[in-house]
Protein backbone atom coordinates (compact mmCIF):
# COMPACT_ATOMS: atom_id res chain seq x y z
CA MET A 1 84.95 -201.73 -36.68
CA GLY A 2 85.47 -198.18 -37.90
CA GLU A 3 82.56 -198.55 -40.29
CA ALA A 4 80.23 -199.62 -37.46
CA GLY A 5 81.38 -196.65 -35.40
CA SER A 6 80.68 -194.23 -38.24
CA ASN A 7 77.12 -195.52 -38.58
CA THR A 8 76.34 -195.10 -34.88
CA LEU A 9 73.70 -192.45 -34.24
CA SER A 10 74.65 -189.46 -32.14
CA PRO A 11 72.95 -188.99 -28.75
CA VAL A 12 70.90 -186.11 -30.20
CA ALA A 13 69.75 -188.29 -33.10
CA ARG A 14 68.86 -191.17 -30.76
CA PHE A 15 66.93 -188.81 -28.48
CA SER A 16 65.15 -187.23 -31.45
CA LEU A 17 64.09 -190.61 -32.84
CA ALA A 18 62.99 -191.95 -29.44
CA LEU A 19 61.05 -188.76 -28.66
CA ALA A 20 59.43 -188.80 -32.12
CA LEU A 21 58.38 -192.43 -31.63
CA ILE A 22 56.97 -191.77 -28.16
CA LEU A 23 55.08 -188.66 -29.25
CA ALA A 24 53.81 -190.37 -32.41
CA VAL A 25 52.46 -193.30 -30.39
CA ALA A 26 50.99 -190.96 -27.76
CA ALA A 27 49.43 -188.74 -30.44
CA GLY A 28 48.02 -191.77 -32.25
CA LEU A 29 46.50 -193.18 -29.06
CA LEU A 30 45.13 -189.78 -28.06
CA ALA A 31 43.63 -189.23 -31.51
CA ALA A 32 42.09 -192.71 -31.51
CA ALA A 33 40.70 -192.29 -27.99
CA THR A 34 39.38 -188.84 -28.83
CA GLY A 35 37.74 -190.18 -31.98
CA VAL A 36 36.09 -193.06 -30.14
CA LEU A 37 34.85 -190.90 -27.26
CA PHE A 38 33.65 -188.16 -29.58
CA GLY A 39 31.94 -190.74 -31.80
CA ARG A 40 30.16 -192.27 -28.82
CA TYR A 41 29.12 -188.85 -27.62
CA VAL A 42 27.72 -187.88 -31.03
CA GLU A 43 25.90 -191.21 -31.35
CA THR A 44 24.42 -190.91 -27.85
CA GLU A 45 23.33 -187.30 -28.41
CA THR A 46 21.89 -188.15 -31.82
CA ALA A 47 19.86 -190.97 -30.30
CA ARG A 48 18.68 -188.78 -27.43
CA PHE A 49 17.72 -185.95 -29.77
CA THR A 50 15.91 -188.35 -32.08
CA GLU A 51 14.02 -189.91 -29.19
CA ASP A 52 12.97 -186.51 -27.84
CA ALA A 53 11.97 -185.27 -31.29
CA VAL A 54 9.88 -188.36 -32.08
CA ALA A 55 8.23 -188.41 -28.65
CA SER A 56 7.29 -184.73 -28.91
CA HIS A 57 5.15 -185.37 -32.00
CA PHE A 58 2.75 -187.81 -30.32
CA GLY A 59 -0.30 -186.20 -28.74
CA THR A 60 0.37 -182.96 -30.65
CA LEU A 61 0.85 -183.63 -34.38
CA PHE A 62 0.18 -187.38 -34.55
CA ASP A 63 -3.18 -188.89 -33.63
CA ASP A 64 -2.71 -191.31 -30.70
CA ALA A 65 -5.89 -193.10 -31.81
CA VAL A 66 -3.67 -195.36 -33.91
CA PHE A 67 -2.75 -197.21 -30.67
CA ALA A 68 -6.38 -197.57 -29.55
CA ARG A 69 -8.34 -198.52 -32.67
CA GLU A 70 -8.05 -199.28 -36.33
CA LEU A 71 -7.90 -196.10 -38.39
CA THR A 72 -10.01 -195.36 -41.42
CA ALA A 73 -8.29 -195.15 -44.77
CA ARG A 74 -8.41 -191.37 -44.71
CA GLU A 75 -7.06 -191.21 -41.15
CA ARG A 76 -4.29 -193.59 -42.12
CA ASN A 77 -3.35 -191.48 -45.15
CA ASP A 78 -3.33 -188.32 -43.06
CA LEU A 79 -1.19 -189.96 -40.34
CA GLU A 80 1.27 -191.31 -42.91
CA ALA A 81 1.55 -187.91 -44.55
CA GLN A 82 2.13 -186.24 -41.18
CA VAL A 83 4.74 -188.80 -40.00
CA VAL A 84 6.68 -188.85 -43.28
CA TYR A 85 6.69 -185.09 -43.57
CA HIS A 86 7.80 -184.34 -40.01
CA PHE A 87 10.23 -187.26 -39.67
CA SER A 88 11.93 -186.36 -42.96
CA VAL A 89 13.32 -183.29 -41.22
CA TYR A 90 15.41 -185.62 -39.01
CA GLY A 91 16.52 -187.88 -41.83
CA ILE A 92 14.31 -190.79 -40.72
CA LEU A 93 14.16 -193.39 -43.50
CA ALA A 94 11.67 -195.80 -41.92
CA SER A 95 9.43 -196.16 -38.86
CA ARG A 96 7.00 -198.56 -37.17
CA PHE A 97 4.48 -198.02 -34.42
CA TYR A 98 3.45 -200.88 -32.09
CA ASP A 99 0.36 -201.00 -29.92
CA ALA A 100 0.41 -202.29 -26.35
CA GLY A 101 0.05 -205.85 -27.62
CA GLY A 102 3.15 -205.70 -29.81
CA ARG A 103 1.21 -205.47 -33.09
CA ILE A 104 2.37 -203.15 -35.88
CA VAL A 105 -0.24 -200.37 -36.30
CA PHE A 106 1.80 -198.09 -38.57
CA SER A 107 4.70 -198.52 -41.00
CA TYR A 108 6.06 -196.92 -44.13
CA GLU A 109 5.52 -200.39 -45.60
CA ARG A 110 1.70 -200.75 -45.39
CA SER A 111 1.95 -204.51 -45.90
CA GLU A 112 3.47 -204.80 -42.41
CA ILE A 113 0.45 -203.25 -40.63
CA GLY A 114 -1.41 -205.74 -38.45
CA ARG A 115 1.51 -208.10 -38.02
CA LEU A 116 3.26 -208.84 -34.75
CA ALA A 117 6.76 -207.57 -34.21
CA PRO A 118 9.32 -209.56 -36.24
CA ALA A 119 11.57 -211.88 -34.23
CA GLU A 120 14.57 -209.53 -34.35
CA GLN A 121 12.47 -206.71 -32.84
CA ALA A 122 10.15 -208.56 -30.50
CA ALA A 123 12.40 -208.27 -27.44
CA ALA A 124 13.09 -204.56 -28.02
CA ALA A 125 9.37 -203.89 -28.51
CA ARG A 126 8.45 -205.68 -25.28
CA ALA A 127 11.19 -203.82 -23.37
CA THR A 128 10.05 -200.44 -24.66
CA LEU A 129 6.42 -201.16 -23.84
CA ALA A 130 7.53 -202.19 -20.36
CA GLY A 131 9.35 -198.88 -19.87
CA ALA A 132 12.88 -200.28 -20.32
CA THR A 133 13.87 -198.63 -23.59
CA PRO A 134 16.85 -200.42 -25.19
CA PRO A 135 19.88 -198.35 -26.22
CA ALA A 136 20.15 -197.06 -29.76
CA ALA A 137 21.94 -199.38 -32.18
CA ARG A 138 23.41 -199.06 -35.63
CA ARG A 139 21.54 -201.00 -38.32
CA GLU A 140 21.96 -201.28 -42.06
CA ILE A 141 18.57 -201.35 -43.79
CA VAL A 142 17.13 -201.20 -47.30
CA ALA A 143 15.04 -198.04 -47.64
CA ASP A 144 13.80 -195.40 -50.04
CA MET A 145 16.24 -192.54 -49.53
CA ARG A 146 13.57 -189.96 -50.38
CA TYR A 147 12.06 -190.42 -46.92
CA GLY A 148 15.21 -188.93 -45.39
CA MET A 149 15.01 -185.77 -47.45
CA PRO A 150 13.44 -182.80 -45.60
CA GLY A 151 10.00 -181.84 -46.92
CA MET A 152 9.09 -185.32 -48.16
CA VAL A 153 5.35 -185.50 -48.98
CA THR A 154 3.57 -188.74 -49.90
CA ALA A 155 1.61 -188.97 -53.13
CA ASP A 156 -1.79 -189.12 -51.43
CA ALA A 157 -1.08 -186.49 -48.78
CA PRO A 158 -3.67 -183.77 -48.17
CA ALA A 159 -3.49 -180.79 -50.51
CA TRP A 160 -2.71 -178.39 -47.70
CA MET A 161 0.72 -180.05 -47.21
CA GLY A 162 2.09 -178.48 -50.37
CA ASP A 163 2.65 -178.90 -54.09
CA HIS A 164 2.98 -182.60 -54.81
CA GLY A 165 4.52 -181.96 -58.20
CA HIS A 166 7.78 -180.77 -56.75
CA GLY A 167 10.07 -181.77 -53.91
CA PRO A 168 11.38 -185.18 -52.84
CA GLY A 169 8.08 -186.93 -53.27
CA ALA A 170 8.05 -186.14 -56.98
CA ARG A 171 11.36 -187.87 -57.57
CA ARG A 172 11.87 -191.46 -58.63
CA PRO A 173 12.24 -193.94 -55.80
CA ASP A 174 15.88 -194.34 -54.58
CA ILE A 175 15.95 -197.68 -52.84
CA ARG A 176 19.29 -198.86 -51.50
CA ARG A 177 21.12 -200.01 -48.37
CA ALA A 178 21.86 -197.30 -45.87
CA GLY A 179 23.48 -197.01 -42.45
CA THR A 180 21.00 -195.95 -39.79
CA LEU A 181 20.65 -195.46 -36.07
CA GLU A 182 17.76 -197.54 -34.72
CA THR A 183 16.01 -195.72 -31.87
CA TRP A 184 13.07 -196.94 -29.76
CA VAL A 185 10.62 -194.45 -28.23
CA PRO A 186 7.83 -195.24 -25.75
CA VAL A 187 4.52 -193.45 -26.52
CA ARG A 188 2.85 -192.20 -23.36
CA GLU A 189 -0.63 -191.04 -22.55
CA GLY A 190 -0.24 -189.40 -19.21
CA ASP A 191 1.72 -191.83 -17.02
CA ARG A 192 0.69 -194.82 -19.10
CA ILE A 193 2.64 -196.31 -22.03
CA VAL A 194 0.16 -196.94 -24.81
CA GLY A 195 2.54 -197.92 -27.55
CA ALA A 196 6.04 -197.88 -28.94
CA ALA A 197 7.70 -196.36 -31.97
CA VAL A 198 10.94 -197.39 -33.64
CA VAL A 199 12.66 -195.17 -36.20
CA TRP A 200 15.73 -195.62 -38.37
CA ARG A 201 17.58 -192.35 -38.75
CA TYR A 202 20.01 -191.96 -41.65
CA ILE A 203 23.39 -191.71 -39.89
CA GLU A 204 25.86 -191.68 -42.79
CA PRO A 205 25.93 -187.86 -43.23
CA ILE A 206 26.53 -187.49 -39.50
CA ASP A 207 29.30 -190.13 -39.71
CA ALA A 208 30.91 -188.25 -42.60
CA ALA A 209 30.84 -185.00 -40.65
CA LEU A 210 32.17 -186.84 -37.61
CA ARG A 211 35.06 -188.28 -39.61
CA GLY A 212 35.91 -184.78 -40.79
CA ILE A 213 35.89 -183.52 -37.22
CA GLN A 214 38.01 -186.46 -36.10
CA ALA A 215 40.47 -185.81 -38.93
CA VAL A 216 40.77 -182.18 -37.88
CA ALA A 217 41.22 -183.22 -34.23
CA ALA A 218 43.85 -185.77 -35.24
CA GLY A 219 45.62 -183.10 -37.29
CA ILE A 220 45.60 -180.69 -34.37
CA ILE A 221 46.94 -183.40 -32.04
CA GLY A 222 49.61 -184.32 -34.60
CA LEU A 223 50.61 -180.67 -35.01
CA ALA A 224 50.75 -180.25 -31.24
CA ALA A 225 52.94 -183.37 -31.00
CA LEU A 226 55.24 -181.98 -33.70
CA LEU A 227 55.53 -178.64 -31.92
CA LEU A 228 56.18 -180.44 -28.64
CA TRP A 229 58.85 -182.55 -30.37
CA LEU A 230 60.53 -179.43 -31.73
CA VAL A 231 60.44 -177.73 -28.33
CA LEU A 232 61.73 -180.74 -26.39
CA ARG A 233 64.38 -181.50 -29.00
CA GLY A 234 65.51 -177.88 -28.89
CA VAL A 235 65.72 -178.02 -25.10
CA TYR A 236 67.67 -181.28 -25.31
CA VAL A 237 70.05 -179.96 -27.97
CA ARG A 238 70.74 -176.78 -26.01
CA SER A 239 71.17 -178.74 -22.80
CA SER A 240 73.45 -181.23 -24.56
CA GLU A 241 75.56 -178.44 -26.01
CA ARG A 242 75.80 -176.84 -22.59
CA ILE A 243 76.72 -180.17 -20.99
CA VAL A 244 79.28 -180.91 -23.70
CA SER A 245 80.75 -177.43 -23.27
CA GLN A 246 80.90 -177.87 -19.51
CA ALA A 247 82.36 -181.35 -19.93
CA LYS A 248 85.06 -179.97 -22.21
CA ALA A 249 85.81 -177.22 -19.74
CA LEU A 250 85.89 -179.76 -16.93
CA GLY A 251 88.11 -182.02 -19.03
CA LEU A 252 90.50 -179.14 -19.64
CA ALA A 253 90.46 -178.29 -15.96
CA LEU A 254 91.14 -181.92 -15.04
CA ALA A 255 93.89 -182.12 -17.62
CA GLU A 256 95.42 -178.97 -16.18
CA THR A 257 95.08 -180.45 -12.71
CA GLU A 258 96.76 -183.64 -13.94
CA ARG A 259 99.58 -181.60 -15.41
CA THR A 260 99.91 -179.70 -12.14
CA TYR A 261 100.02 -182.97 -10.20
CA ASP A 262 102.65 -184.39 -12.51
CA ALA A 263 104.70 -181.20 -12.34
CA THR A 264 104.53 -181.40 -8.56
CA LEU A 265 105.63 -185.01 -8.64
CA ARG A 266 108.52 -184.15 -10.96
CA ALA A 267 109.51 -181.40 -8.55
CA LEU A 268 109.46 -183.89 -5.66
CA SER A 269 111.51 -186.32 -7.69
CA GLY A 270 113.95 -183.53 -8.57
CA ALA A 271 114.21 -182.57 -4.90
CA LEU A 272 115.13 -186.17 -4.10
CA ASP A 273 117.76 -186.09 -6.85
CA VAL A 274 119.28 -182.98 -5.30
CA ARG A 275 119.50 -184.73 -1.93
CA ASP A 276 120.69 -188.04 -3.33
CA SER A 277 123.29 -186.98 -5.84
CA GLU A 278 123.99 -190.55 -6.90
CA THR A 279 120.46 -190.93 -8.20
CA GLU A 280 120.44 -187.72 -10.23
CA GLY A 281 117.70 -187.98 -12.89
CA HIS A 282 117.01 -191.58 -11.82
CA GLY A 283 113.23 -191.12 -11.44
CA ARG A 284 112.82 -189.55 -14.88
CA ARG A 285 114.82 -192.29 -16.56
CA VAL A 286 112.85 -194.98 -14.79
CA VAL A 287 109.69 -193.33 -16.15
CA GLU A 288 111.05 -193.62 -19.70
CA TYR A 289 112.13 -197.25 -19.25
CA MET A 290 108.70 -197.99 -17.76
CA GLU A 291 106.96 -196.49 -20.80
CA LEU A 292 109.08 -198.63 -23.11
CA ILE A 293 108.13 -201.79 -21.17
CA ALA A 294 104.44 -200.83 -20.98
CA GLU A 295 104.45 -200.26 -24.73
CA GLN A 296 105.83 -203.75 -25.34
CA LEU A 297 103.29 -205.27 -22.92
CA GLY A 298 100.46 -203.49 -24.72
CA LEU A 299 99.10 -201.89 -21.56
CA PRO A 300 96.17 -199.48 -21.99
CA GLU A 301 96.91 -195.77 -22.00
CA PRO A 302 94.92 -195.03 -18.78
CA MET A 303 97.47 -197.12 -16.82
CA TYR A 304 100.37 -194.96 -17.95
CA ALA A 305 99.60 -192.10 -15.57
CA THR A 306 99.65 -194.38 -12.52
CA LEU A 307 102.83 -196.12 -13.68
CA ARG A 308 104.48 -192.80 -14.50
CA ARG A 309 103.70 -191.37 -11.08
CA GLY A 310 104.84 -194.56 -9.43
CA ALA A 311 108.14 -194.30 -11.33
CA LEU A 312 108.65 -190.72 -10.20
CA LEU A 313 107.78 -191.47 -6.58
CA HIS A 314 109.08 -194.99 -6.08
CA ASP A 315 112.07 -193.74 -4.04
CA ILE A 316 110.20 -190.91 -2.28
CA GLY A 317 110.61 -192.81 0.98
CA LYS A 318 114.36 -192.08 0.89
CA ILE A 319 113.44 -188.66 2.26
CA GLY A 320 113.22 -190.47 5.59
CA VAL A 321 116.66 -192.12 5.22
CA PRO A 322 119.46 -190.26 7.09
CA ASP A 323 122.07 -188.53 4.92
CA HIS A 324 124.96 -190.59 6.32
CA VAL A 325 123.23 -193.69 4.97
CA LEU A 326 121.77 -192.26 1.78
CA ARG A 327 124.94 -190.42 0.70
CA LYS A 328 127.48 -192.95 1.92
CA PRO A 329 130.07 -193.39 -0.86
CA GLY A 330 130.85 -197.01 -0.04
CA PRO A 331 128.91 -200.21 0.58
CA LEU A 332 126.33 -200.14 3.36
CA THR A 333 126.56 -202.19 6.53
CA GLU A 334 123.85 -204.65 7.50
CA THR A 335 122.41 -202.10 9.91
CA GLU A 336 122.47 -199.39 7.27
CA TRP A 337 120.78 -201.75 4.83
CA GLY A 338 118.05 -202.27 7.41
CA VAL A 339 117.51 -198.52 7.49
CA MET A 340 117.59 -198.29 3.68
CA ARG A 341 115.06 -201.13 3.31
CA ARG A 342 112.50 -199.09 5.20
CA HIS A 343 112.16 -196.57 2.35
CA PRO A 344 109.38 -198.44 0.39
CA ASP A 345 107.23 -198.52 3.53
CA LEU A 346 108.05 -194.88 4.32
CA GLY A 347 107.25 -193.82 0.76
CA ALA A 348 103.88 -195.59 0.74
CA GLY A 349 103.05 -193.93 4.05
CA ILE A 350 103.96 -190.48 2.72
CA ILE A 351 101.62 -190.64 -0.30
CA GLY A 352 99.06 -193.25 0.82
CA ASP A 353 96.59 -190.69 2.17
CA ILE A 354 96.53 -188.66 -1.06
CA PRO A 355 93.41 -189.84 -2.97
CA PHE A 356 94.82 -189.67 -6.49
CA LEU A 357 98.01 -191.48 -5.38
CA GLU A 358 96.39 -194.44 -3.61
CA GLU A 359 97.20 -196.85 -6.47
CA VAL A 360 100.67 -195.35 -6.77
CA ALA A 361 101.30 -196.03 -3.06
CA VAL A 362 100.75 -199.75 -3.68
CA ILE A 363 103.44 -199.69 -6.39
CA VAL A 364 105.83 -197.64 -4.24
CA ARG A 365 105.53 -200.09 -1.37
CA ALA A 366 106.15 -203.15 -3.55
CA HIS A 367 108.81 -201.95 -5.99
CA HIS A 368 111.60 -203.87 -4.17
CA GLU A 369 109.69 -207.17 -4.01
CA ARG A 370 111.18 -210.13 -5.89
CA TRP A 371 109.45 -212.60 -8.18
CA ASP A 372 110.70 -215.49 -6.00
CA GLY A 373 109.44 -213.90 -2.76
CA GLY A 374 112.84 -212.84 -1.46
CA GLY A 375 112.23 -209.11 -1.63
CA TYR A 376 111.03 -206.55 0.91
CA PRO A 377 109.10 -205.26 2.80
CA ASP A 378 106.28 -207.88 2.49
CA GLU A 379 108.08 -210.77 0.74
CA LEU A 380 105.41 -210.95 -1.95
CA ALA A 381 105.97 -213.43 -4.80
CA GLY A 382 104.85 -213.91 -8.40
CA ARG A 383 101.65 -212.22 -9.51
CA ASP A 384 100.85 -211.16 -5.94
CA ILE A 385 103.27 -208.33 -6.66
CA PRO A 386 101.44 -205.44 -8.40
CA LEU A 387 102.25 -205.27 -12.11
CA GLY A 388 103.52 -201.71 -11.79
CA ALA A 389 105.96 -202.79 -9.12
CA ARG A 390 107.19 -205.67 -11.30
CA ILE A 391 107.78 -203.24 -14.16
CA PHE A 392 109.62 -200.81 -11.89
CA ALA A 393 111.79 -203.55 -10.49
CA VAL A 394 113.20 -204.14 -13.97
CA ALA A 395 113.38 -200.44 -14.95
CA ASP A 396 114.93 -199.42 -11.61
CA SER A 397 117.50 -202.21 -11.62
CA PHE A 398 118.51 -201.55 -15.22
CA ASP A 399 119.02 -197.82 -14.60
CA ALA A 400 120.89 -198.51 -11.37
CA MET A 401 123.23 -200.95 -13.16
CA THR A 402 123.93 -198.64 -16.11
CA SER A 403 124.39 -195.37 -14.17
CA ASP A 404 127.70 -194.31 -12.61
CA ARG A 405 127.87 -194.06 -8.82
CA PRO A 406 130.57 -192.42 -6.71
CA TYR A 407 132.02 -195.81 -5.85
CA ARG A 408 131.67 -197.54 -9.26
CA LEU A 409 131.16 -197.11 -12.97
CA GLY A 410 127.90 -198.01 -14.68
CA ARG A 411 127.81 -201.32 -16.55
CA PRO A 412 127.57 -201.52 -20.33
CA LEU A 413 124.08 -202.00 -21.72
CA GLN A 414 124.71 -205.53 -22.94
CA GLU A 415 126.05 -206.62 -19.57
CA ALA A 416 123.07 -205.06 -17.77
CA LEU A 417 120.68 -206.81 -20.14
CA GLY A 418 122.46 -210.07 -19.34
CA GLU A 419 121.96 -209.41 -15.62
CA LEU A 420 118.24 -208.92 -16.22
CA LEU A 421 118.11 -212.15 -18.17
CA GLY A 422 119.96 -213.90 -15.34
CA GLY A 423 117.39 -212.65 -12.84
CA ARG A 424 114.45 -213.72 -15.02
CA GLY A 425 112.14 -215.89 -12.91
CA THR A 426 114.00 -215.23 -9.66
CA GLN A 427 114.29 -211.51 -9.06
CA PHE A 428 112.20 -210.33 -12.01
CA ASP A 429 108.90 -211.18 -13.68
CA PRO A 430 109.81 -213.24 -16.80
CA GLN A 431 107.14 -211.51 -18.87
CA VAL A 432 108.43 -208.05 -17.97
CA VAL A 433 112.04 -209.03 -18.69
CA ASP A 434 111.03 -210.43 -22.08
CA ALA A 435 109.18 -207.21 -22.88
CA PHE A 436 112.21 -205.14 -21.93
CA LEU A 437 114.49 -207.27 -24.09
CA ARG A 438 112.20 -206.60 -27.07
CA VAL A 439 112.77 -202.84 -26.82
CA PRO A 440 114.98 -201.66 -29.73
CA ARG A 441 118.58 -201.03 -28.61
CA ALA A 442 118.57 -197.51 -30.04
CA ARG A 443 115.71 -196.49 -27.76
CA LEU A 444 117.48 -197.89 -24.69
CA GLU A 445 120.67 -196.05 -25.64
CA HIS A 446 118.71 -192.82 -26.03
CA VAL A 447 117.50 -193.01 -22.40
CA HIS A 448 120.81 -194.35 -21.11
CA GLY A 449 122.66 -191.45 -22.71
CA ARG A 450 121.16 -189.05 -20.13
CA ALA A 451 122.39 -191.09 -17.14
CA PRO A 452 125.35 -189.67 -15.07
CA HIS A 453 128.73 -191.10 -16.11
CA ARG A 454 131.64 -190.26 -13.81
CA ALA A 455 135.00 -191.94 -13.38
CA VAL A 456 135.91 -193.36 -9.97
CA ALA A 457 139.06 -191.84 -8.52
CA VAL A 458 141.99 -194.30 -8.66
CA PRO A 459 144.43 -194.17 -5.66
CA ALA A 460 148.03 -193.21 -6.58
């Protein structure tokens, strides 16, 4: 049990772990959402820019005649050189142009020219020609990577386009699979769509840059989460320390208040002893006997305060008993006993309205009840009698039997213990009597030694 307790995390540690988990999850979700949204934004803007760039070349740099008639070999070479050169700036690896009938009129692969759109592109071609351009989509294609290198010039390009012995075109073909962004562009002549172009832009460099940006963003978010964790943990630690400090101060104040209460109760009990000389020190001794019984019963420590206060105040109601009854040296009459029997009810009434003595008032009222129901004032029986009152019945009776009174000597301990045993199950709770009998004799003698012992005057 002790080992489990030592492994228990402190509140600060639990808060720190919980906060770290929450912030880590939140930072992860935020980073993922940011990456997705930023990726979509980059992809959308890339597609839009590509579409605008491609569309701007028709009617200015590219001859729109390709959509109206079949080009001559020279025209086709010039168009191919123009398209490859200008599209290479945007990293376009491949392109096709379709006329209004869906037939391929231009392609980097000349063998495709004259064919209808392949099945996988037929729907997109028809939609573009109808003015409903489909959204850009990622495609993996096999292409010559030289076409995506800025300044690419075909082998049979016109001389004015530059030195064909240098640059990308002079390199060996680099054919491989590449990630691209497929973008469809309607070709317009005035308000009329005369054809469609589809290009595949090399997207992997953009993706690599995007991943770098996302990594930086994730790092910033993670750092912000760490700083937030440090700030919140610091606030929690300082608040916890302040609360603990205040709790300790409050605990000390409450403890001092408890001590003040108990000192007040001892003073009240002492005042009663002064008035009732035959019960001198009776309340304090009953407290000690009660603690011995409670120890044998294994009662929890928090109950001790209530039982202790009940022991000190159990006879507080005798304040309302007239002196001629309370201090009478001889036996009481039946009428006087009736007055005396009112003291539990009087005592409970005196302290019943004091909040911290409400439980004590229950004990004070019932401390003269009997296990068999023959007690007073309510004739409670058995376990209907509060446990504190059952304990006090034994402690009070034992001290009364073993203390000297003006009209008699106190009984020896053994005889008093025999009386308790005789009342077991009738006057007293059997369990409480058994607990009292288990108390070591030396401890009983220690308490009994402080009881008043006076000899009764013997007539001459």
